[in-house]
Structures are given as C-alpha cells and as structure tokens.
Amino acid sequence: MTEGKVIVKNKLGIHARPAALLVRTAAKFSSDIFLTQNSMEINCKSIMNVMGMAAEPGSEITITASGEDEKEAVQKLIELFDNKFEED
C-alpha cells in the first residue's frame, strides 16, 4: 500500500471538473485507489463518490492505493492536487 497526503489548493475545491479529472486519472491504473478526508473514505474511481466528498479549499486528503501500480497512481494524483487541477 502506498499513501500520500495533499491539500486542496485550488480556489473552488473539488467540484465537477477536478472530480472528473481525478476519476479519469485514477481509472488509468489497475490499483484500488481511495481518498480519505476526516473519517470519510471514498473510491477515487467513482465520480459520484468524489463529488460527494465536497472537499473545500484547504482540506487535507489522504490518497491510498493498493496494487501493482500503486506508487505511480499516488504520484499522479498528488501532481493533480499540486497543480491545482490546472485551474489557478
């Protein structure tokens, strides 16, 4: 299992566009990928789950992946958060 922590840095948080980008990116990997905020853990490959998380700017999220490509998966998702989903 590989884990990484990120902060939501874009101005609008995880709304429809960033959620779709997260799900599209996660779907490229065979690993199981989860996002955890507070005590809520969701499947990162489900658009409804990611949007339902409603992560606001400044929220801390833990990315967890388990599988053969877990390290690459976590790294790519961390890059999305670090790049503010190319919004700002």
N, C-alpha and C. Protein backbone atom coordinates (compact mmCIF):
# COMPACT_ATOMS: atom_id res chain seq x y z
N MET A 1 0.85 -1.18 0.00
CA MET A 1 0.00 0.00 0.00
C MET A 1 0.89 1.24 0.00
N THR A 2 0.50 2.21 -0.82
CA THR A 2 1.21 3.49 -0.89
C THR A 2 0.23 4.59 -0.51
N GLU A 3 0.73 5.57 0.23
CA GLU A 3 -0.12 6.63 0.75
C GLU A 3 0.55 7.98 0.54
N GLY A 4 -0.25 8.99 0.29
CA GLY A 4 0.24 10.36 0.19
C GLY A 4 -0.79 11.32 0.73
N LYS A 5 -0.33 12.43 1.28
CA LYS A 5 -1.23 13.45 1.81
C LYS A 5 -1.14 14.69 0.94
N VAL A 6 -2.29 15.30 0.69
CA VAL A 6 -2.36 16.51 -0.13
C VAL A 6 -3.30 17.51 0.51
N ILE A 7 -3.18 18.75 0.08
CA ILE A 7 -4.08 19.82 0.48
C ILE A 7 -4.77 20.32 -0.78
N VAL A 8 -6.07 20.54 -0.71
CA VAL A 8 -6.81 21.09 -1.84
C VAL A 8 -6.40 22.56 -1.95
N LYS A 9 -5.72 22.91 -3.05
CA LYS A 9 -5.15 24.25 -3.20
C LYS A 9 -5.91 25.14 -4.18
N ASN A 10 -6.75 24.55 -5.02
CA ASN A 10 -7.46 25.40 -5.98
C ASN A 10 -8.59 26.15 -5.29
N LYS A 11 -8.99 27.28 -5.86
CA LYS A 11 -9.93 28.20 -5.22
C LYS A 11 -11.32 27.63 -4.97
N LEU A 12 -11.78 26.72 -5.82
CA LEU A 12 -13.16 26.24 -5.73
C LEU A 12 -13.28 24.85 -5.10
N GLY A 13 -12.17 24.25 -4.72
CA GLY A 13 -12.24 22.92 -4.13
C GLY A 13 -12.51 21.85 -5.18
N ILE A 14 -12.97 20.70 -4.72
CA ILE A 14 -13.23 19.59 -5.63
C ILE A 14 -14.68 19.68 -6.13
N HIS A 15 -14.86 20.38 -7.23
CA HIS A 15 -16.15 20.48 -7.89
C HIS A 15 -16.15 19.53 -9.09
N ALA A 16 -17.07 19.67 -10.01
CA ALA A 16 -17.24 18.71 -11.10
C ALA A 16 -15.99 18.48 -11.95
N ARG A 17 -15.34 19.54 -12.38
CA ARG A 17 -14.18 19.38 -13.27
C ARG A 17 -13.01 18.67 -12.58
N PRO A 18 -12.57 19.11 -11.39
CA PRO A 18 -11.49 18.39 -10.72
C PRO A 18 -11.88 16.94 -10.38
N ALA A 19 -13.15 16.74 -10.02
CA ALA A 19 -13.60 15.38 -9.70
C ALA A 19 -13.47 14.49 -10.92
N ALA A 20 -13.89 14.99 -12.08
CA ALA A 20 -13.78 14.21 -13.31
C ALA A 20 -12.32 13.93 -13.65
N LEU A 21 -11.45 14.90 -13.43
CA LEU A 21 -10.03 14.72 -13.70
C LEU A 21 -9.43 13.66 -12.76
N LEU A 22 -9.81 13.70 -11.50
CA LEU A 22 -9.34 12.69 -10.55
C LEU A 22 -9.79 11.28 -10.97
N VAL A 23 -11.06 11.15 -11.31
CA VAL A 23 -11.61 9.84 -11.68
C VAL A 23 -10.97 9.33 -12.97
N ARG A 24 -10.83 10.21 -13.98
CA ARG A 24 -10.19 9.81 -15.24
C ARG A 24 -8.76 9.35 -15.02
N THR A 25 -8.04 10.07 -14.18
CA THR A 25 -6.64 9.70 -13.90
C THR A 25 -6.58 8.39 -13.13
N ALA A 26 -7.41 8.24 -12.11
CA ALA A 26 -7.42 7.01 -11.31
C ALA A 26 -7.78 5.79 -12.16
N ALA A 27 -8.67 5.97 -13.13
CA ALA A 27 -9.12 4.86 -13.97
C ALA A 27 -8.00 4.30 -14.85
N LYS A 28 -6.93 5.05 -15.04
CA LYS A 28 -5.80 4.58 -15.85
C LYS A 28 -4.97 3.54 -15.13
N PHE A 29 -5.19 3.38 -13.83
CA PHE A 29 -4.38 2.47 -13.02
C PHE A 29 -5.21 1.26 -12.59
N SER A 30 -4.54 0.13 -12.46
CA SER A 30 -5.24 -1.09 -12.03
C SER A 30 -5.39 -1.16 -10.51
N SER A 31 -4.63 -0.38 -9.80
CA SER A 31 -4.68 -0.38 -8.33
C SER A 31 -6.02 0.12 -7.82
N ASP A 32 -6.39 -0.32 -6.63
CA ASP A 32 -7.53 0.23 -5.91
C ASP A 32 -7.06 1.55 -5.31
N ILE A 33 -7.83 2.61 -5.52
CA ILE A 33 -7.41 3.94 -5.06
C ILE A 33 -8.54 4.57 -4.25
N PHE A 34 -8.18 5.07 -3.08
CA PHE A 34 -9.16 5.68 -2.18
C PHE A 34 -8.69 7.06 -1.73
N LEU A 35 -9.65 7.94 -1.51
CA LEU A 35 -9.39 9.26 -0.93
C LEU A 35 -10.05 9.29 0.43
N THR A 36 -9.34 9.82 1.42
CA THR A 36 -9.89 9.92 2.77
C THR A 36 -9.80 11.37 3.24
N GLN A 37 -10.94 11.88 3.70
CA GLN A 37 -10.99 13.22 4.28
C GLN A 37 -11.72 13.07 5.60
N ASN A 38 -11.08 13.49 6.68
CA ASN A 38 -11.60 13.27 8.03
C ASN A 38 -11.81 11.76 8.18
N SER A 39 -13.00 11.29 8.44
CA SER A 39 -13.22 9.85 8.57
C SER A 39 -13.93 9.27 7.35
N MET A 40 -14.12 10.08 6.32
CA MET A 40 -14.82 9.64 5.11
C MET A 40 -13.83 9.09 4.08
N GLU A 41 -13.98 7.80 3.75
CA GLU A 41 -13.13 7.18 2.73
C GLU A 41 -13.99 6.84 1.51
N ILE A 42 -13.51 7.27 0.33
CA ILE A 42 -14.29 7.04 -0.89
C ILE A 42 -13.41 6.42 -1.97
N ASN A 43 -14.06 5.72 -2.89
CA ASN A 43 -13.38 5.13 -4.04
C ASN A 43 -13.11 6.25 -5.04
N CYS A 44 -11.85 6.43 -5.41
CA CYS A 44 -11.46 7.52 -6.30
C CYS A 44 -11.86 7.26 -7.76
N LYS A 45 -12.35 6.09 -8.06
CA LYS A 45 -12.75 5.77 -9.43
C LYS A 45 -14.25 5.98 -9.65
N SER A 46 -14.93 6.54 -8.66
CA SER A 46 -16.37 6.81 -8.74
C SER A 46 -16.62 8.31 -8.72
N ILE A 47 -17.14 8.85 -9.82
CA ILE A 47 -17.39 10.29 -9.90
C ILE A 47 -18.37 10.75 -8.84
N MET A 48 -19.39 9.96 -8.57
CA MET A 48 -20.38 10.34 -7.55
C MET A 48 -19.74 10.40 -6.17
N ASN A 49 -18.87 9.44 -5.86
CA ASN A 49 -18.19 9.45 -4.57
C ASN A 49 -17.27 10.66 -4.43
N VAL A 50 -16.49 10.94 -5.48
CA VAL A 50 -15.54 12.06 -5.41
C VAL A 50 -16.28 13.38 -5.27
N MET A 51 -17.34 13.57 -6.05
CA MET A 51 -18.10 14.82 -5.94
C MET A 51 -18.81 14.91 -4.60
N GLY A 52 -19.27 13.78 -4.08
CA GLY A 52 -19.96 13.75 -2.79
C GLY A 52 -19.05 14.09 -1.62
N MET A 53 -17.75 13.95 -1.83
CA MET A 53 -16.79 14.28 -0.79
C MET A 53 -16.82 15.78 -0.48
N ALA A 54 -17.13 16.57 -1.50
CA ALA A 54 -17.26 18.03 -1.36
C ALA A 54 -16.08 18.66 -0.63
N ALA A 55 -14.87 18.31 -1.05
CA ALA A 55 -13.67 18.84 -0.41
C ALA A 55 -13.48 20.31 -0.77
N GLU A 56 -13.39 21.14 0.25
CA GLU A 56 -13.24 22.58 0.08
C GLU A 56 -11.76 22.96 0.04
N PRO A 57 -11.46 24.17 -0.44
CA PRO A 57 -10.08 24.64 -0.42
C PRO A 57 -9.50 24.54 0.99
N GLY A 58 -8.28 24.06 1.09
CA GLY A 58 -7.62 23.91 2.38
C GLY A 58 -7.83 22.56 3.03
N SER A 59 -8.72 21.74 2.48
CA SER A 59 -8.97 20.41 3.04
C SER A 59 -7.74 19.52 2.87
N GLU A 60 -7.48 18.71 3.89
CA GLU A 60 -6.40 17.72 3.79
C GLU A 60 -7.00 16.38 3.39
N ILE A 61 -6.42 15.77 2.37
CA ILE A 61 -6.90 14.50 1.86
C ILE A 61 -5.75 13.51 1.82
N THR A 62 -6.04 12.28 2.20
CA THR A 62 -5.06 11.20 2.10
C THR A 62 -5.42 10.34 0.90
N ILE A 63 -4.45 10.12 0.04
CA ILE A 63 -4.62 9.24 -1.12
C ILE A 63 -3.98 7.91 -0.77
N THR A 64 -4.72 6.82 -0.93
CA THR A 64 -4.21 5.48 -0.64
C THR A 64 -4.44 4.61 -1.86
N ALA A 65 -3.39 3.90 -2.28
CA ALA A 65 -3.51 2.98 -3.41
C ALA A 65 -2.90 1.64 -3.05
N SER A 66 -3.51 0.60 -3.59
CA SER A 66 -3.03 -0.75 -3.34
C SER A 66 -3.11 -1.53 -4.65
N GLY A 67 -1.97 -2.03 -5.11
CA GLY A 67 -1.93 -2.79 -6.35
C GLY A 67 -0.59 -2.67 -7.01
N GLU A 68 -0.47 -3.25 -8.19
CA GLU A 68 0.84 -3.32 -8.86
C GLU A 68 1.39 -1.97 -9.30
N ASP A 69 0.53 -0.98 -9.55
CA ASP A 69 0.99 0.34 -9.99
C ASP A 69 0.65 1.43 -8.97
N GLU A 70 0.61 1.04 -7.70
CA GLU A 70 0.18 1.95 -6.63
C GLU A 70 1.04 3.19 -6.50
N LYS A 71 2.34 3.06 -6.64
CA LYS A 71 3.23 4.22 -6.46
C LYS A 71 3.00 5.25 -7.56
N GLU A 72 2.88 4.79 -8.81
CA GLU A 72 2.64 5.71 -9.92
C GLU A 72 1.27 6.38 -9.77
N ALA A 73 0.28 5.62 -9.32
CA ALA A 73 -1.06 6.16 -9.15
C ALA A 73 -1.07 7.29 -8.13
N VAL A 74 -0.49 7.05 -6.98
CA VAL A 74 -0.46 8.08 -5.93
C VAL A 74 0.31 9.30 -6.41
N GLN A 75 1.43 9.09 -7.09
CA GLN A 75 2.23 10.21 -7.58
C GLN A 75 1.44 11.07 -8.58
N LYS A 76 0.74 10.44 -9.51
CA LYS A 76 -0.04 11.19 -10.50
C LYS A 76 -1.17 12.00 -9.84
N LEU A 77 -1.82 11.41 -8.86
CA LEU A 77 -2.90 12.12 -8.18
C LEU A 77 -2.35 13.28 -7.35
N ILE A 78 -1.22 13.08 -6.70
CA ILE A 78 -0.58 14.17 -5.95
C ILE A 78 -0.25 15.32 -6.90
N GLU A 79 0.23 15.01 -8.10
CA GLU A 79 0.54 16.04 -9.09
C GLU A 79 -0.70 16.86 -9.45
N LEU A 80 -1.85 16.20 -9.59
CA LEU A 80 -3.09 16.93 -9.90
C LEU A 80 -3.40 17.96 -8.81
N PHE A 81 -3.30 17.53 -7.55
CA PHE A 81 -3.56 18.45 -6.43
C PHE A 81 -2.52 19.56 -6.40
N ASP A 82 -1.24 19.21 -6.58
CA ASP A 82 -0.17 20.22 -6.54
C ASP A 82 -0.32 21.25 -7.65
N ASN A 83 -0.83 20.81 -8.80
CA ASN A 83 -1.02 21.71 -9.95
C ASN A 83 -2.37 22.42 -9.92
N LYS A 84 -3.08 22.30 -8.79
CA LYS A 84 -4.39 22.94 -8.60
C LYS A 84 -5.37 22.58 -9.70
N PHE A 85 -5.25 21.34 -10.21
CA PHE A 85 -6.12 20.85 -11.27
C PHE A 85 -6.10 21.77 -12.49
N GLU A 86 -4.96 22.47 -12.66
CA GLU A 86 -4.75 23.41 -13.78
C GLU A 86 -5.81 24.49 -13.85
N GLU A 87 -6.32 24.89 -12.68
CA GLU A 87 -7.38 25.92 -12.62
C GLU A 87 -6.86 27.30 -12.26
N ASP A 88 -5.87 27.40 -11.43
CA ASP A 88 -5.42 28.72 -10.96
C ASP A 88 -4.15 29.14 -11.67
